[in-house]
Protein backbone atom coordinates (compact mmCIF):
# COMPACT_ATOMS: atom_id res chain seq x y z
CA MET A 1 0.00 0.00 0.00
CA SER A 2 1.31 3.45 -0.78
CA ARG A 3 2.06 6.10 1.78
CA LEU A 4 -0.71 8.35 0.45
CA ALA A 5 -3.40 5.68 0.57
CA CYS A 6 -3.20 5.13 4.32
CA GLN A 7 -3.25 8.70 5.61
CA SER A 8 -5.81 9.26 8.32
CA TRP A 9 -6.69 12.86 7.39
CA HIS A 10 -8.70 13.96 4.39
CA VAL A 11 -8.54 17.41 2.85
CA ARG A 12 -11.39 18.83 0.84
CA PRO A 13 -10.38 19.78 -2.70
CA VAL A 14 -10.15 23.42 -3.72
CA SER A 15 -13.52 24.63 -4.97
CA ALA A 16 -14.50 27.46 -7.27
CA ALA A 17 -16.01 29.29 -4.28
CA MET A 18 -12.64 29.22 -2.48
CA ILE A 19 -10.87 30.61 -5.54
CA SER A 20 -13.48 33.35 -5.90
CA ALA A 21 -13.19 34.23 -2.21
CA VAL A 22 -9.41 34.52 -2.42
CA LEU A 23 -9.72 36.74 -5.51
CA ALA A 24 -12.31 38.96 -3.83
CA PHE A 25 -11.01 39.15 -0.25
CA ALA A 26 -7.25 38.54 -0.46
CA ASP A 27 -5.33 40.72 1.97
CA ILE A 28 -1.87 39.28 1.36
CA HIS A 29 -0.34 40.37 -1.94
CA ARG A 30 3.23 39.38 -2.77
CA ASP A 31 4.89 40.68 -5.95
CA MET A 32 6.53 37.78 -7.79
CA GLY A 33 7.98 39.82 -10.64
CA GLY A 34 7.09 39.69 -14.31
CA GLY A 35 3.71 41.27 -13.64
CA ARG A 36 2.57 38.42 -11.38
CA THR A 37 1.20 38.64 -7.87
CA LEU A 38 0.64 35.91 -5.28
CA MET A 39 -2.67 36.47 -3.50
CA ARG A 40 -3.69 34.81 -0.20
CA LEU A 41 -6.22 35.10 2.59
CA SER A 42 -4.79 35.61 6.05
CA PRO A 43 -6.33 33.63 8.94
CA GLU A 44 -7.56 36.93 10.44
CA ARG A 45 -9.35 37.85 7.20
CA ALA A 46 -10.84 34.36 6.84
CA ALA A 47 -12.36 34.73 10.32
CA LYS A 48 -14.41 37.77 9.25
CA ALA A 49 -18.17 37.36 8.87
CA ASP A 50 -18.35 38.06 5.12
CA VAL A 51 -15.88 35.27 4.27
CA ILE A 52 -17.56 32.84 6.67
CA LEU A 53 -20.99 33.61 5.18
CA LEU A 54 -19.63 32.94 1.69
CA LEU A 55 -17.62 29.79 2.43
CA GLY A 56 -19.03 28.37 5.65
CA GLY A 57 -16.80 25.54 6.91
CA ASP A 58 -14.35 26.05 4.05
CA ALA A 59 -13.27 29.48 5.33
CA GLU A 60 -10.30 28.05 7.23
CA ARG A 61 -9.42 25.80 4.30
CA ALA A 62 -9.29 28.85 2.01
CA THR A 63 -6.23 30.11 3.91
CA ASP A 64 -4.26 27.23 2.33
CA VAL A 65 -5.05 28.45 -1.18
CA GLY A 66 -2.68 30.78 -3.01
CA LEU A 67 -3.40 32.31 -6.41
CA VAL A 68 -0.83 33.59 -8.86
CA TRP A 69 -2.49 36.44 -10.76
CA ASN A 70 -1.07 37.93 -13.95
CA ASP A 71 -1.63 41.70 -13.73
CA ARG A 72 -0.79 42.32 -17.38
CA GLU A 73 -3.26 39.79 -18.78
CA ASP A 74 -5.79 40.02 -15.92
CA GLN A 75 -6.01 36.28 -15.60
CA LEU A 76 -5.33 33.52 -13.12
CA VAL A 77 -2.04 31.75 -13.81
CA ARG A 78 -1.85 29.11 -11.08
CA VAL A 79 -3.73 27.80 -8.06
CA ILE A 80 -1.43 26.69 -5.22
CA ASP A 81 -2.80 24.38 -2.54
CA ASP A 82 -0.68 24.28 0.63
CA ALA A 83 -2.94 21.98 2.68
CA ALA A 84 -0.33 19.21 2.74
CA LEU A 85 2.23 21.67 4.11
CA ARG A 86 -0.11 22.66 6.93
CA GLU A 87 -0.56 19.00 7.89
CA THR A 88 3.21 18.41 7.96
CA ARG A 89 3.70 21.48 10.15
CA LEU A 90 1.15 20.11 12.60
CA ALA A 91 2.72 16.65 12.43
CA ALA A 92 6.06 18.05 13.61
CA TRP A 93 4.37 19.44 16.72
CA GLU A 94 2.55 16.15 17.31
CA GLU A 95 5.86 14.29 17.25
CA ALA A 96 7.35 16.77 19.73
CA PHE A 97 4.47 16.30 22.15
CA ASP A 98 4.62 12.52 21.79
CA MET A 99 8.04 12.56 23.44
CA PHE A 100 6.37 13.43 26.74
CA ASP A 101 3.86 10.59 26.49
CA ALA A 102 6.46 7.86 26.78
CA ASP A 103 4.98 4.73 28.27
CA GLU A 104 7.05 3.70 31.24
CA PRO A 105 6.59 0.12 32.35
CA GLU A 106 5.06 -0.13 35.77
CA ALA A 107 7.15 -1.74 38.48
CA GLU A 108 6.12 -5.29 39.20
CA PRO A 109 4.56 -5.58 42.65
CA THR A 110 6.72 -7.37 45.16
CA ARG A 111 5.44 -10.63 46.50
CA LEU A 112 5.59 -11.54 50.12
CA CYS A 113 6.51 -15.15 50.65
CA ALA A 114 6.19 -16.93 54.00
């Protein structure tokens, strides 16, 4: 079985509503050169009422979506989905906390013999 087939978490695919919300409400704009801009929703912006009303439960998921927009052509160049990166960031913390949950074998009770 492959590594991807046995993952316990499932991520919803990027929908057209998420892409539209990032285009409409993006508050992070990063110039990539060549007339292209990376657009993202910050977690603070995704927590606002207008984004939640539009996306519902997908509002948090929309923060993983990045759009590369071509300013010269006024068109979408690429959709970037960073959901897998978010899961690996959380997995690193899970591994760190698992160090403290080490199972120590209990001492065997002593028997009294007469």
